Amino acid sequence: MKNLVLFTFIMILCILHSCKDEKQPVLVDKQIVKTIVKEIPKKKIDNMITKDFVLGKFNYTKHDAFEKVNASHSSKTIYLNKNCYEAFKAMYEQAKEDGINLKIISGTRNFYEQKSIWERKWKKYESLEPNVRALKILEYSSMPTSSRHHWGGTDMDLNNLNNRYFEKGEGLKIYNWLLKHAKAYGFKQVYTEKTHGRTGYNKEKWHWSYMPLAETYLEFYNANISYADIIDFKGFEQAQELDVIKYYVNGISKD
């Protein structure tokens, strides 16, 4: 009799545990739909966007729409748009439950930070002709005023800046998890293989964009920015020759 009672008790515990495991993902999905990937009022976004904003010419550390990323989520001091960061934190927690550790290694970069990256590489390739020089840098780095990293932390680099890292071991697990789950939180890998007409930067498995904001910023950029705005850094003259707005700013995955 005692054995029967014990067996029954154990079976009930197993059923309860099984039900808990099955229901949890459903609850998480509902939370995502209701609170994370919700449409941000367009009027609210429009009021925040200016030419200087999309060109990266503002101080994000003092901007009301930004906050500093917690050290547990990043490898250094990084700022993100608050809406983007909320979505990332939700994604981070789900990834953690699944044994995946996401780490932000780059977020918002203003014009001057991007200029420093660009001009360092411009000097590195000084033996090349101007167009070839610019194209070499544009394999992975944007011209200042044309980077998605300017856009208020809609775009972030995760874990490692090398595609090979994501091809095996822990990196492959992270990448496969992102491919499966990131969309539910509003994130997309915008620099994929150059297929189906995609142009511009090489594939970047680490670069993920928060689309609920980024799509609106790109629309504003295309409507308001011209080559007269892409200036004040070494090699800026190549921007129009290479048509970086068409082939790089808009050279993202359409999938």
Protein backbone atom coordinates (compact mmCIF):
# COMPACT_ATOMS: atom_id res chain seq x y z
CA MET A 1 0.00 0.00 0.00
CA LYS A 2 2.82 2.38 0.93
CA ASN A 3 4.56 1.63 -2.35
CA LEU A 4 1.36 2.38 -4.28
CA VAL A 5 0.91 5.73 -2.52
CA LEU A 6 4.55 6.64 -3.13
CA PHE A 7 4.29 5.66 -6.78
CA THR A 8 1.11 7.72 -7.22
CA PHE A 9 2.74 10.74 -5.55
CA ILE A 10 5.78 10.51 -7.82
CA MET A 11 3.58 10.26 -10.92
CA ILE A 12 1.62 13.36 -9.92
CA LEU A 13 4.87 15.32 -9.44
CA CYS A 14 6.11 14.22 -12.86
CA ILE A 15 2.85 15.26 -14.53
CA LEU A 16 2.90 18.66 -12.83
CA HIS A 17 6.53 19.21 -13.83
CA SER A 18 5.79 18.15 -17.40
CA CYS A 19 2.85 20.53 -17.64
CA LYS A 20 4.96 23.37 -16.29
CA ASP A 21 7.64 22.75 -18.92
CA GLU A 22 5.08 22.64 -21.72
CA LYS A 23 3.23 25.80 -20.71
CA GLN A 24 6.22 28.06 -20.07
CA PRO A 25 7.18 28.68 -23.72
CA VAL A 26 3.55 29.61 -24.51
CA LEU A 27 3.54 32.21 -21.72
CA VAL A 28 6.81 33.64 -22.97
CA ASP A 29 5.46 33.90 -26.52
CA LYS A 30 2.37 35.78 -25.31
CA GLN A 31 4.55 38.19 -23.39
CA ILE A 32 6.65 38.84 -26.48
CA VAL A 33 3.62 39.57 -28.63
CA LYS A 34 2.02 41.88 -26.07
CA THR A 35 4.96 43.81 -24.67
CA ILE A 36 8.12 43.39 -26.73
CA VAL A 37 7.36 43.38 -30.44
CA LYS A 38 4.60 45.92 -30.17
CA GLU A 39 4.30 48.74 -32.68
CA ILE A 40 5.90 51.87 -31.26
CA PRO A 41 3.63 54.86 -32.04
CA LYS A 42 4.93 56.36 -35.29
CA LYS A 43 4.26 59.89 -34.07
CA LYS A 44 6.51 59.28 -31.06
CA ILE A 45 9.33 58.09 -33.30
CA ASP A 46 8.86 60.92 -35.80
CA ASN A 47 9.15 63.51 -33.05
CA MET A 48 12.55 62.08 -32.09
CA ILE A 49 14.09 61.71 -35.55
CA THR A 50 16.16 64.52 -37.03
CA LYS A 51 18.89 64.60 -39.65
CA ASP A 52 21.55 64.93 -36.97
CA PHE A 53 20.05 61.92 -35.21
CA VAL A 54 20.32 59.51 -38.15
CA LEU A 55 23.72 60.94 -39.08
CA GLY A 56 25.00 60.13 -35.58
CA LYS A 57 25.68 63.75 -34.69
CA PHE A 58 24.28 63.79 -31.16
CA ASN A 59 25.31 62.81 -27.64
CA TYR A 60 23.55 59.54 -26.85
CA THR A 61 24.89 59.48 -23.28
CA LYS A 62 22.69 62.49 -22.47
CA HIS A 63 19.71 61.63 -24.66
CA ASP A 64 16.42 60.77 -22.90
CA ALA A 65 15.74 57.85 -25.25
CA PHE A 66 18.93 56.01 -24.26
CA GLU A 67 20.24 54.11 -21.32
CA LYS A 68 23.50 52.51 -20.32
CA VAL A 69 23.59 48.75 -20.79
CA ASN A 70 24.04 46.69 -17.65
CA ALA A 71 27.49 45.14 -17.29
CA SER A 72 25.92 41.66 -17.21
CA HIS A 73 24.77 42.19 -20.81
CA SER A 74 27.85 43.83 -22.31
CA SER A 75 31.62 43.60 -22.55
CA LYS A 76 32.22 47.36 -22.16
CA THR A 77 30.35 50.65 -21.68
CA ILE A 78 27.52 50.62 -24.22
CA TYR A 79 24.34 52.64 -24.68
CA LEU A 80 21.15 51.52 -26.41
CA ASN A 81 17.76 52.94 -27.19
CA LYS A 82 15.51 52.03 -24.26
CA ASN A 83 12.95 50.20 -26.42
CA CYS A 84 15.66 48.20 -28.14
CA TYR A 85 17.29 47.37 -24.83
CA GLU A 86 14.01 46.16 -23.29
CA ALA A 87 13.58 43.79 -26.22
CA PHE A 88 17.16 42.58 -25.89
CA LYS A 89 16.76 41.91 -22.15
CA ALA A 90 13.72 39.75 -22.80
CA MET A 91 15.62 37.86 -25.51
CA TYR A 92 18.64 37.55 -23.21
CA GLU A 93 16.57 35.94 -20.44
CA GLN A 94 15.01 33.39 -22.78
CA ALA A 95 18.41 32.59 -24.27
CA LYS A 96 19.84 32.14 -20.78
CA GLU A 97 17.09 29.63 -19.95
CA ASP A 98 18.08 27.75 -23.10
CA GLY A 99 21.76 27.69 -22.10
CA ILE A 100 22.79 30.48 -24.51
CA ASN A 101 24.86 33.43 -23.30
CA LEU A 102 24.35 36.59 -25.36
CA LYS A 103 26.82 39.43 -24.92
CA ILE A 104 26.61 42.87 -26.54
CA ILE A 105 30.06 43.94 -27.74
CA SER A 106 28.98 47.07 -29.62
CA GLY A 107 25.87 49.26 -29.64
CA THR A 108 25.37 52.94 -30.39
CA ARG A 109 28.27 54.65 -32.13
CA ASN A 110 28.09 58.34 -32.99
CA PHE A 111 29.61 60.09 -36.00
CA TYR A 112 32.92 60.75 -34.26
CA GLU A 113 33.37 57.18 -33.07
CA GLN A 114 32.64 55.86 -36.55
CA LYS A 115 34.97 58.48 -38.03
CA SER A 116 37.78 57.19 -35.81
CA ILE A 117 37.22 53.62 -37.03
CA TRP A 118 36.97 54.69 -40.67
CA GLU A 119 40.03 56.97 -40.70
CA ARG A 120 42.17 54.39 -38.93
CA LYS A 121 41.41 51.96 -41.75
CA TRP A 122 41.76 54.70 -44.37
CA LYS A 123 45.34 55.14 -43.22
CA LYS A 124 45.91 51.38 -43.08
CA TYR A 125 45.06 51.02 -46.78
CA GLU A 126 46.75 54.23 -47.96
CA SER A 127 48.65 52.37 -50.70
CA LEU A 128 45.39 51.67 -52.57
CA GLU A 129 43.58 53.91 -55.04
CA PRO A 130 40.76 55.93 -53.39
CA ASN A 131 37.83 53.85 -54.68
CA VAL A 132 39.57 50.54 -54.01
CA ARG A 133 40.59 51.88 -50.60
CA ALA A 134 37.01 52.78 -49.71
CA LEU A 135 35.63 49.48 -51.02
CA LYS A 136 38.12 47.56 -48.89
CA ILE A 137 36.95 49.34 -45.74
CA LEU A 138 33.30 48.99 -46.76
CA GLU A 139 33.57 45.22 -46.64
CA TYR A 140 32.75 45.45 -42.92
CA SER A 141 32.84 49.11 -41.82
CA SER A 142 30.46 51.95 -42.67
CA MET A 143 31.34 55.47 -43.70
CA PRO A 144 30.55 57.95 -40.92
CA THR A 145 26.98 59.35 -41.35
CA SER A 146 25.91 56.10 -43.05
CA SER A 147 26.15 53.56 -40.23
CA ARG A 148 23.12 51.84 -38.70
CA HIS A 149 25.02 52.01 -35.40
CA HIS A 150 24.26 55.75 -35.42
CA TRP A 151 20.55 55.06 -35.19
CA GLY A 152 20.07 55.17 -31.48
CA GLY A 153 21.07 51.68 -30.57
CA THR A 154 18.78 49.86 -32.96
CA ASP A 155 21.76 47.82 -34.08
CA MET A 156 24.13 45.77 -31.99
CA ASP A 157 27.03 43.37 -32.42
CA LEU A 158 26.82 40.18 -30.39
CA ASN A 159 29.53 37.95 -28.89
CA ASN A 160 32.23 38.03 -31.59
CA LEU A 161 33.21 40.03 -34.70
CA ASN A 162 34.31 37.03 -36.74
CA ASN A 163 31.98 34.90 -38.88
CA ARG A 164 34.12 31.83 -38.23
CA TYR A 165 33.33 32.01 -34.52
CA PHE A 166 29.69 31.28 -35.35
CA GLU A 167 30.47 28.23 -37.49
CA LYS A 168 31.23 25.72 -34.74
CA GLY A 169 31.03 25.01 -31.03
CA GLU A 170 29.47 27.62 -28.75
CA GLY A 171 29.33 30.21 -31.53
CA LEU A 172 27.28 27.93 -33.77
CA LYS A 173 24.83 27.25 -30.93
CA ILE A 174 24.42 31.00 -30.37
CA TYR A 175 23.89 31.71 -34.07
CA ASN A 176 21.38 28.89 -34.54
CA TRP A 177 19.46 30.08 -31.48
CA LEU A 178 19.34 33.63 -32.85
CA LEU A 179 18.16 32.43 -36.27
CA LYS A 180 15.33 30.56 -34.58
CA HIS A 181 14.28 33.02 -31.88
CA ALA A 182 15.54 36.58 -32.52
CA LYS A 183 12.69 37.49 -34.85
CA ALA A 184 10.17 36.96 -32.04
CA TYR A 185 11.86 39.79 -30.15
CA GLY A 186 12.05 42.12 -33.14
CA PHE A 187 15.67 41.44 -34.14
CA LYS A 188 16.97 40.54 -37.58
CA GLN A 189 20.34 39.76 -39.14
CA VAL A 190 20.43 42.44 -41.84
CA TYR A 191 23.79 41.55 -43.40
CA THR A 192 23.32 38.03 -44.71
CA GLU A 193 24.75 36.28 -47.78
CA LYS A 194 24.74 38.47 -50.88
CA THR A 195 21.92 36.64 -52.58
CA HIS A 196 18.55 37.75 -53.98
CA GLY A 197 20.05 41.10 -54.96
CA ARG A 198 21.54 42.07 -51.58
CA THR A 199 24.48 44.45 -51.98
CA GLY A 200 26.95 46.26 -49.77
CA TYR A 201 28.68 44.94 -46.67
CA ASN A 202 29.83 41.36 -46.36
CA LYS A 203 27.89 38.90 -44.25
CA GLU A 204 27.97 39.69 -40.53
CA LYS A 205 26.54 36.96 -38.33
CA TRP A 206 27.11 39.13 -35.28
CA HIS A 207 25.13 42.19 -36.41
CA TRP A 208 21.47 42.23 -35.32
CA SER A 209 19.02 45.07 -35.89
CA TYR A 210 15.90 45.95 -33.90
CA MET A 211 13.48 46.34 -36.80
CA PRO A 212 10.49 48.08 -35.11
CA LEU A 213 12.71 51.19 -34.90
CA ALA A 214 15.29 50.62 -37.64
CA GLU A 215 12.73 50.40 -40.46
CA THR A 216 11.39 53.86 -39.59
CA TYR A 217 14.89 55.32 -39.30
CA LEU A 218 15.84 53.92 -42.71
CA GLU A 219 12.71 55.42 -44.24
CA PHE A 220 13.60 58.82 -42.76
CA TYR A 221 17.23 58.49 -43.91
CA ASN A 222 16.21 57.79 -47.50
CA ALA A 223 13.79 60.71 -47.53
CA ASN A 224 16.08 63.30 -45.95
CA ILE A 225 19.76 62.44 -46.40
CA SER A 226 21.80 63.20 -49.52
CA TYR A 227 25.47 63.03 -50.41
CA ALA A 228 25.81 66.64 -49.29
CA ASP A 229 25.39 65.27 -45.75
CA ILE A 230 28.05 62.55 -46.07
CA ILE A 231 31.10 64.72 -45.43
CA ASP A 232 33.77 65.73 -42.90
CA PHE A 233 35.90 62.59 -42.91
CA LYS A 234 38.79 61.36 -45.02
CA GLY A 235 37.62 59.77 -48.26
CA PHE A 236 34.07 61.11 -48.08
CA GLU A 237 34.33 62.03 -51.77
CA GLN A 238 34.03 58.33 -52.61
CA ALA A 239 30.55 58.10 -51.09
CA GLN A 240 28.72 59.42 -54.15
CA GLU A 241 31.00 57.65 -56.62
CA LEU A 242 30.23 54.32 -54.94
CA ASP A 243 26.58 55.24 -54.30
CA VAL A 244 26.79 54.10 -50.70
CA ILE A 245 23.22 55.12 -49.89
CA LYS A 246 21.82 52.75 -52.49
CA TYR A 247 24.28 49.88 -52.19
CA TYR A 248 25.30 50.02 -48.52
CA VAL A 249 22.75 51.92 -46.41
CA ASN A 250 20.01 50.05 -48.25
CA GLY A 251 22.05 46.91 -48.87
CA ILE A 252 20.24 44.83 -46.29
CA SER A 253 18.46 41.49 -46.36
CA LYS A 254 14.90 41.71 -47.67
CA ASP A 255 13.89 38.32 -46.24
